[in-house]
Amino acid sequence: MIDIGSEIKELRKSNNMTLKDLSEKTGLSIGFLSQFERGLSTIAVDSLELIAKALNIELSHFILKPKTKKEYILKSFEQEVYEVINNKFVHYNLSNNLNKKTFLPRKINILPMGKDENITEYSHKGEEFVYILEGTLTLFLDSKRYDLYPGDSAHYNSEKMHNWANYTSKMVKLIVVSTPNHFSESEVIQENE
């Protein structure tokens, strides 16, 4: 499991880059990059790709590819953590074979955050469907704040500015189904063109 924000900070410093340098190379704001490195914000895959290019490393360095099995069924005890972001967002793969699929199904557990933590909204291509299993998710969407409770859902175009937070003292668990699926062979081909 990788804490991507801390990893990026270490890579940036080992390349003698300041936040300003990284901001200029990626087009991402210094504030956003600082929050991400400190674990106060999440990041979209396309923004992570910009950072990877600026640091001269492959995007795959940050993304653990889920194991591929031919079975259609994934038992609960077979679910694997494939990504941990900022020590707050724990991603579980909910499919056996993602390389030929259009959308990406995940279970995400979000650990509690401080109520004073500022959340930076971001956008990326695709769409997202979110279903709350447990806890209270704070969804920021187009500069509006929504509190979602177990059984609530949201479905939105990911090009709208958005982000999530857990301002409670308990873990939030949600199901997220999104496009694009960055593990899909067709998505990898498009990115390389």
C-alpha atoms as a PDB file:
ATOM      1  CA  MET A   1       0.000   0.000   0.000  1.00  0.00           C
ATOM      2  CA  ILE A   2       1.313   3.417  -0.952  1.00  0.00           C
ATOM      3  CA  ASP A   3       0.537   6.774   0.632  1.00  0.00           C
ATOM      4  CA  ILE A   4       0.710   8.623  -2.671  1.00  0.00           C
ATOM      5  CA  GLY A   5       0.902  12.159  -1.246  1.00  0.00           C
ATOM      6  CA  SER A   6       3.929  11.374   0.921  1.00  0.00           C
ATOM      7  CA  GLU A   7       5.514   9.426  -1.931  1.00  0.00           C
ATOM      8  CA  ILE A   8       5.141  12.404  -4.286  1.00  0.00           C
ATOM      9  CA  LYS A   9       6.628  14.748  -1.685  1.00  0.00           C
ATOM     10  CA  GLU A  10       9.675  12.473  -1.325  1.00  0.00           C
ATOM     11  CA  LEU A  11      10.081  12.136  -5.104  1.00  0.00           C
ATOM     12  CA  ARG A  12       9.700  15.894  -5.580  1.00  0.00           C
ATOM     13  CA  LYS A  13      12.343  16.645  -2.958  1.00  0.00           C
ATOM     14  CA  SER A  14      14.723  13.989  -4.332  1.00  0.00           C
ATOM     15  CA  ASN A  15      14.433  15.769  -7.700  1.00  0.00           C
ATOM     16  CA  ASN A  16      15.224  19.107  -5.987  1.00  0.00           C
ATOM     17  CA  MET A  17      11.814  20.468  -7.004  1.00  0.00           C
ATOM     18  CA  THR A  18       9.791  22.984  -5.020  1.00  0.00           C
ATOM     19  CA  LEU A  19       6.002  22.954  -4.944  1.00  0.00           C
ATOM     20  CA  LYS A  20       6.194  25.955  -7.273  1.00  0.00           C
ATOM     21  CA  ASP A  21       8.326  23.955  -9.749  1.00  0.00           C
ATOM     22  CA  LEU A  22       5.870  21.060  -9.686  1.00  0.00           C
ATOM     23  CA  SER A  23       2.947  23.453 -10.058  1.00  0.00           C
ATOM     24  CA  GLU A  24       4.503  25.043 -13.134  1.00  0.00           C
ATOM     25  CA  LYS A  25       5.193  21.645 -14.738  1.00  0.00           C
ATOM     26  CA  THR A  26       1.711  20.247 -14.075  1.00  0.00           C
ATOM     27  CA  GLY A  27      -0.596  23.270 -14.179  1.00  0.00           C
ATOM     28  CA  LEU A  28      -1.963  22.225 -10.759  1.00  0.00           C
ATOM     29  CA  SER A  29      -2.095  24.900  -8.066  1.00  0.00           C
ATOM     30  CA  ILE A  30       0.521  25.056  -5.304  1.00  0.00           C
ATOM     31  CA  GLY A  31      -2.285  24.960  -2.721  1.00  0.00           C
ATOM     32  CA  PHE A  32      -3.783  21.798  -4.181  1.00  0.00           C
ATOM     33  CA  LEU A  33      -0.381  20.083  -4.431  1.00  0.00           C
ATOM     34  CA  SER A  34       0.451  21.034  -0.843  1.00  0.00           C
ATOM     35  CA  GLN A  35      -2.883  19.696   0.434  1.00  0.00           C
ATOM     36  CA  PHE A  36      -2.442  16.475  -1.522  1.00  0.00           C
ATOM     37  CA  GLU A  37       1.083  15.879  -0.219  1.00  0.00           C
ATOM     38  CA  ARG A  38      -0.160  16.389   3.359  1.00  0.00           C
ATOM     39  CA  GLY A  39      -3.079  13.993   2.916  1.00  0.00           C
ATOM     40  CA  LEU A  40      -5.794  16.662   2.958  1.00  0.00           C
ATOM     41  CA  SER A  41      -7.106  16.079  -0.556  1.00  0.00           C
ATOM     42  CA  THR A  42      -7.663  13.300  -3.067  1.00  0.00           C
ATOM     43  CA  ILE A  43      -6.506  13.362  -6.661  1.00  0.00           C
ATOM     44  CA  ALA A  44      -7.921  12.321 -10.019  1.00  0.00           C
ATOM     45  CA  VAL A  45      -5.958   9.868 -12.130  1.00  0.00           C
ATOM     46  CA  ASP A  46      -5.391  12.414 -14.930  1.00  0.00           C
ATOM     47  CA  SER A  47      -3.870  14.881 -12.423  1.00  0.00           C
ATOM     48  CA  LEU A  48      -1.750  12.095 -10.954  1.00  0.00           C
ATOM     49  CA  GLU A  49      -0.548  11.342 -14.471  1.00  0.00           C
ATOM     50  CA  LEU A  50       0.583  14.984 -14.881  1.00  0.00           C
ATOM     51  CA  ILE A  51       2.568  14.704 -11.660  1.00  0.00           C
ATOM     52  CA  ALA A  52       4.101  11.376 -12.722  1.00  0.00           C
ATOM     53  CA  LYS A  53       5.255  12.924 -16.014  1.00  0.00           C
ATOM     54  CA  ALA A  54       6.720  15.943 -14.193  1.00  0.00           C
ATOM     55  CA  LEU A  55       8.651  13.572 -11.901  1.00  0.00           C
ATOM     56  CA  ASN A  56       9.751  11.380 -14.852  1.00  0.00           C
ATOM     57  CA  ILE A  57       8.092   8.217 -13.554  1.00  0.00           C
ATOM     58  CA  GLU A  58       5.327   5.948 -14.819  1.00  0.00           C
ATOM     59  CA  LEU A  59       1.766   6.412 -13.543  1.00  0.00           C
ATOM     60  CA  SER A  60       1.780   2.704 -12.662  1.00  0.00           C
ATOM     61  CA  HIS A  61       4.304   3.536  -9.907  1.00  0.00           C
ATOM     62  CA  PHE A  62       1.375   4.899  -7.890  1.00  0.00           C
ATOM     63  CA  ILE A  63      -1.353   2.476  -8.916  1.00  0.00           C
ATOM     64  CA  LEU A  64      -1.294  -1.133  -7.859  1.00  0.00           C
ATOM     65  CA  LYS A  65      -2.863  -3.209 -10.603  1.00  0.00           C
ATOM     66  CA  PRO A  66      -5.524  -5.550  -9.231  1.00  0.00           C
ATOM     67  CA  LYS A  67      -4.962  -9.252  -9.699  1.00  0.00           C
ATOM     68  CA  THR A  68      -6.807 -10.723 -12.656  1.00  0.00           C
ATOM     69  CA  LYS A  69      -8.902 -13.866 -12.340  1.00  0.00           C
ATOM     70  CA  LYS A  70     -11.219 -15.338 -14.917  1.00  0.00           C
ATOM     71  CA  GLU A  71     -14.109 -15.934 -12.494  1.00  0.00           C
ATOM     72  CA  TYR A  72     -17.152 -13.664 -12.626  1.00  0.00           C
ATOM     73  CA  ILE A  73     -17.750 -13.831  -8.885  1.00  0.00           C
ATOM     74  CA  LEU A  74     -15.601 -12.086  -6.264  1.00  0.00           C
ATOM     75  CA  LYS A  75     -16.267 -13.299  -2.714  1.00  0.00           C
ATOM     76  CA  SER A  76     -16.081 -10.735   0.102  1.00  0.00           C
ATOM     77  CA  PHE A  77     -13.011 -12.429   1.610  1.00  0.00           C
ATOM     78  CA  GLU A  78     -11.221 -12.089  -1.760  1.00  0.00           C
ATOM     79  CA  GLN A  79     -11.520  -8.289  -1.915  1.00  0.00           C
ATOM     80  CA  GLU A  80      -8.101  -6.676  -1.944  1.00  0.00           C
ATOM     81  CA  VAL A  81      -6.912  -3.213  -1.031  1.00  0.00           C
ATOM     82  CA  TYR A  82      -5.318  -1.875  -4.200  1.00  0.00           C
ATOM     83  CA  GLU A  83      -4.736   1.739  -3.219  1.00  0.00           C
ATOM     84  CA  VAL A  84      -4.477   3.907  -0.113  1.00  0.00           C
ATOM     85  CA  ILE A  85      -4.571   7.653  -0.716  1.00  0.00           C
ATOM     86  CA  ASN A  86      -3.259  10.085   1.887  1.00  0.00           C
ATOM     87  CA  ASN A  87      -3.725   7.525   4.679  1.00  0.00           C
ATOM     88  CA  LYS A  88      -7.447   8.416   4.591  1.00  0.00           C
ATOM     89  CA  PHE A  89      -8.997   6.760   1.515  1.00  0.00           C
ATOM     90  CA  VAL A  90      -8.736   2.950   1.354  1.00  0.00           C
ATOM     91  CA  HIS A  91      -9.785   1.540  -2.048  1.00  0.00           C
ATOM     92  CA  TYR A  92     -10.942  -2.070  -2.465  1.00  0.00           C
ATOM     93  CA  ASN A  93     -11.253  -3.682  -5.878  1.00  0.00           C
ATOM     94  CA  LEU A  94     -14.745  -5.155  -6.489  1.00  0.00           C
ATOM     95  CA  SER A  95     -14.048  -7.012  -9.735  1.00  0.00           C
ATOM     96  CA  ASN A  96     -11.880  -9.953 -10.780  1.00  0.00           C
ATOM     97  CA  ASN A  97     -10.994  -8.760 -14.255  1.00  0.00           C
ATOM     98  CA  LEU A  98     -10.915  -5.020 -14.928  1.00  0.00           C
ATOM     99  CA  ASN A  99      -8.751  -4.941 -18.054  1.00  0.00           C
ATOM    100  CA  LYS A 100     -11.703  -5.495 -20.424  1.00  0.00           C
ATOM    101  CA  LYS A 101     -14.366  -3.564 -18.520  1.00  0.00           C
ATOM    102  CA  THR A 102     -15.773  -0.077 -19.149  1.00  0.00           C
ATOM    103  CA  PHE A 103     -16.402   1.062 -15.575  1.00  0.00           C
ATOM    104  CA  LEU A 104     -14.466   0.749 -12.320  1.00  0.00           C
ATOM    105  CA  PRO A 105     -16.356  -0.611  -9.259  1.00  0.00           C
ATOM    106  CA  ARG A 106     -14.764   0.078  -5.869  1.00  0.00           C
ATOM    107  CA  LYS A 107     -15.552   0.035  -2.193  1.00  0.00           C
ATOM    108  CA  ILE A 108     -13.905   2.976  -0.459  1.00  0.00           C
ATOM    109  CA  ASN A 109     -13.463   3.399   3.270  1.00  0.00           C
ATOM    110  CA  ILE A 110     -12.765   6.986   4.332  1.00  0.00           C
ATOM    111  CA  LEU A 111     -11.177   7.520   7.718  1.00  0.00           C
ATOM    112  CA  PRO A 112     -12.218  10.527   9.849  1.00  0.00           C
ATOM    113  CA  MET A 113     -10.733  13.937   9.015  1.00  0.00           C
ATOM    114  CA  GLY A 114     -10.475  17.130  11.046  1.00  0.00           C
ATOM    115  CA  LYS A 115     -13.464  19.450  10.685  1.00  0.00           C
ATOM    116  CA  ASP A 116     -11.085  22.323   9.920  1.00  0.00           C
ATOM    117  CA  GLU A 117      -9.476  20.577   6.930  1.00  0.00           C
ATOM    118  CA  ASN A 118     -10.141  22.491   3.719  1.00  0.00           C
ATOM    119  CA  ILE A 119     -11.166  20.279   0.831  1.00  0.00           C
ATOM    120  CA  THR A 120     -10.151  21.274  -2.694  1.00  0.00           C
ATOM    121  CA  GLU A 121     -12.607  20.288  -5.405  1.00  0.00           C
ATOM    122  CA  TYR A 122     -11.235  18.860  -8.663  1.00  0.00           C
ATOM    123  CA  SER A 123     -12.597  17.519 -11.936  1.00  0.00           C
ATOM    124  CA  HIS A 124     -11.690  14.801 -14.426  1.00  0.00           C
ATOM    125  CA  LYS A 125     -13.255  13.082 -17.398  1.00  0.00           C
ATOM    126  CA  GLY A 126     -15.977  10.484 -16.905  1.00  0.00           C
ATOM    127  CA  GLU A 127     -18.799  10.025 -14.421  1.00  0.00           C
ATOM    128  CA  GLU A 128     -19.223   8.714 -10.877  1.00  0.00           C
ATOM    129  CA  PHE A 129     -21.969   6.924  -8.983  1.00  0.00           C
ATOM    130  CA  VAL A 130     -21.636   6.906  -5.176  1.00  0.00           C
ATOM    131  CA  TYR A 131     -23.740   4.810  -2.754  1.00  0.00           C
ATOM    132  CA  ILE A 132     -23.290   5.248   1.005  1.00  0.00           C
ATOM    133  CA  LEU A 133     -23.108   1.990   2.985  1.00  0.00           C
ATOM    134  CA  GLU A 134     -22.147   3.337   6.398  1.00  0.00           C
ATOM    135  CA  GLY A 135     -21.453   6.700   8.023  1.00  0.00           C
ATOM    136  CA  THR A 136     -21.976  10.251   6.771  1.00  0.00           C
ATOM    137  CA  LEU A 137     -20.176  11.303   3.593  1.00  0.00           C
ATOM    138  CA  THR A 138     -19.748  14.993   2.873  1.00  0.00           C
ATOM    139  CA  LEU A 139     -19.884  15.492  -0.899  1.00  0.00           C
ATOM    140  CA  PHE A 140     -18.722  18.749  -2.420  1.00  0.00           C
ATOM    141  CA  LEU A 141     -20.225  19.211  -5.884  1.00  0.00           C
ATOM    142  CA  ASP A 142     -20.021  22.457  -7.858  1.00  0.00           C
ATOM    143  CA  SER A 143     -19.131  24.415  -4.685  1.00  0.00           C
ATOM    144  CA  LYS A 144     -22.173  23.077  -2.784  1.00  0.00           C
ATOM    145  CA  ARG A 145     -21.932  20.817   0.254  1.00  0.00           C
ATOM    146  CA  TYR A 146     -24.169  17.766   0.667  1.00  0.00           C
ATOM    147  CA  ASP A 147     -24.275  15.329   3.598  1.00  0.00           C
ATOM    148  CA  LEU A 148     -25.127  11.811   2.424  1.00  0.00           C
ATOM    149  CA  TYR A 149     -26.295   9.068   4.816  1.00  0.00           C
ATOM    150  CA  PRO A 150     -26.546   5.256   4.510  1.00  0.00           C
ATOM    151  CA  GLY A 151     -28.771   4.399   1.568  1.00  0.00           C
ATOM    152  CA  ASP A 152     -28.232   7.797  -0.113  1.00  0.00           C
ATOM    153  CA  SER A 153     -26.591   7.986  -3.521  1.00  0.00           C
ATOM    154  CA  ALA A 154     -25.237  10.551  -5.982  1.00  0.00           C
ATOM    155  CA  HIS A 155     -24.589  10.232  -9.719  1.00  0.00           C
ATOM    156  CA  TYR A 156     -22.737  13.038 -11.471  1.00  0.00           C
ATOM    157  CA  ASN A 157     -20.527  13.967 -14.382  1.00  0.00           C
ATOM    158  CA  SER A 158     -16.931  13.954 -13.059  1.00  0.00           C
ATOM    159  CA  GLU A 159     -16.154  17.062 -15.103  1.00  0.00           C
ATOM    160  CA  LYS A 160     -18.102  18.978 -12.418  1.00  0.00           C
ATOM    161  CA  MET A 161     -15.853  20.175  -9.605  1.00  0.00           C
ATOM    162  CA  HIS A 162     -16.189  17.678  -6.752  1.00  0.00           C
ATOM    163  CA  ASN A 163     -14.554  15.948  -3.789  1.00  0.00           C
ATOM    164  CA  TRP A 164     -15.463  13.915  -0.680  1.00  0.00           C
ATOM    165  CA  ALA A 165     -14.762  14.270   3.022  1.00  0.00           C
ATOM    166  CA  ASN A 166     -15.487  12.448   6.262  1.00  0.00           C
ATOM    167  CA  TYR A 167     -15.957  15.080   8.973  1.00  0.00           C
ATOM    168  CA  THR A 168     -17.333  12.564  11.499  1.00  0.00           C
ATOM    169  CA  SER A 169     -15.557  10.509  14.152  1.00  0.00           C
ATOM    170  CA  LYS A 170     -16.457   7.183  12.468  1.00  0.00           C
ATOM    171  CA  MET A 171     -15.386   5.524   9.232  1.00  0.00           C
ATOM    172  CA  VAL A 172     -17.460   6.155   6.097  1.00  0.00           C
ATOM    173  CA  LYS A 173     -17.960   3.218   3.712  1.00  0.00           C
ATOM    174  CA  LEU A 174     -19.234   3.706   0.179  1.00  0.00           C
ATOM    175  CA  ILE A 175     -19.522   1.965  -3.155  1.00  0.00           C
ATOM    176  CA  VAL A 176     -18.235   3.963  -6.120  1.00  0.00           C
ATOM    177  CA  VAL A 177     -18.740   3.023  -9.752  1.00  0.00           C
ATOM    178  CA  SER A 178     -16.893   5.329 -12.129  1.00  0.00           C
ATOM    179  CA  THR A 179     -15.636   5.837 -15.640  1.00  0.00           C
ATOM    180  CA  PRO A 180     -13.128   5.799 -17.093  1.00  0.00           C
ATOM    181  CA  ASN A 181     -11.680   2.544 -15.806  1.00  0.00           C
ATOM    182  CA  HIS A 182      -7.940   3.308 -15.757  1.00  0.00           C
ATOM    183  CA  PHE A 183      -7.192  -0.457 -15.601  1.00  0.00           C
ATOM    184  CA  SER A 184      -9.016  -1.104 -18.906  1.00  0.00           C
ATOM    185  CA  GLU A 185      -6.881  -2.125 -21.876  1.00  0.00           C
ATOM    186  CA  SER A 186      -8.774   0.341 -24.105  1.00  0.00           C
ATOM    187  CA  GLU A 187      -8.136   3.192 -21.636  1.00  0.00           C
ATOM    188  CA  VAL A 188      -4.418   2.353 -21.494  1.00  0.00           C
ATOM    189  CA  ILE A 189      -4.269   2.335 -25.330  1.00  0.00           C
ATOM    190  CA  GLN A 190      -6.004   5.761 -25.485  1.00  0.00           C
ATOM    191  CA  GLU A 191      -3.616   7.221 -22.888  1.00  0.00           C
ATOM    192  CA  ASN A 192      -0.606   6.016 -24.885  1.00  0.00           C
ATOM    193  CA  GLU A 193      -1.797   7.485 -28.185  1.00  0.00           C
END
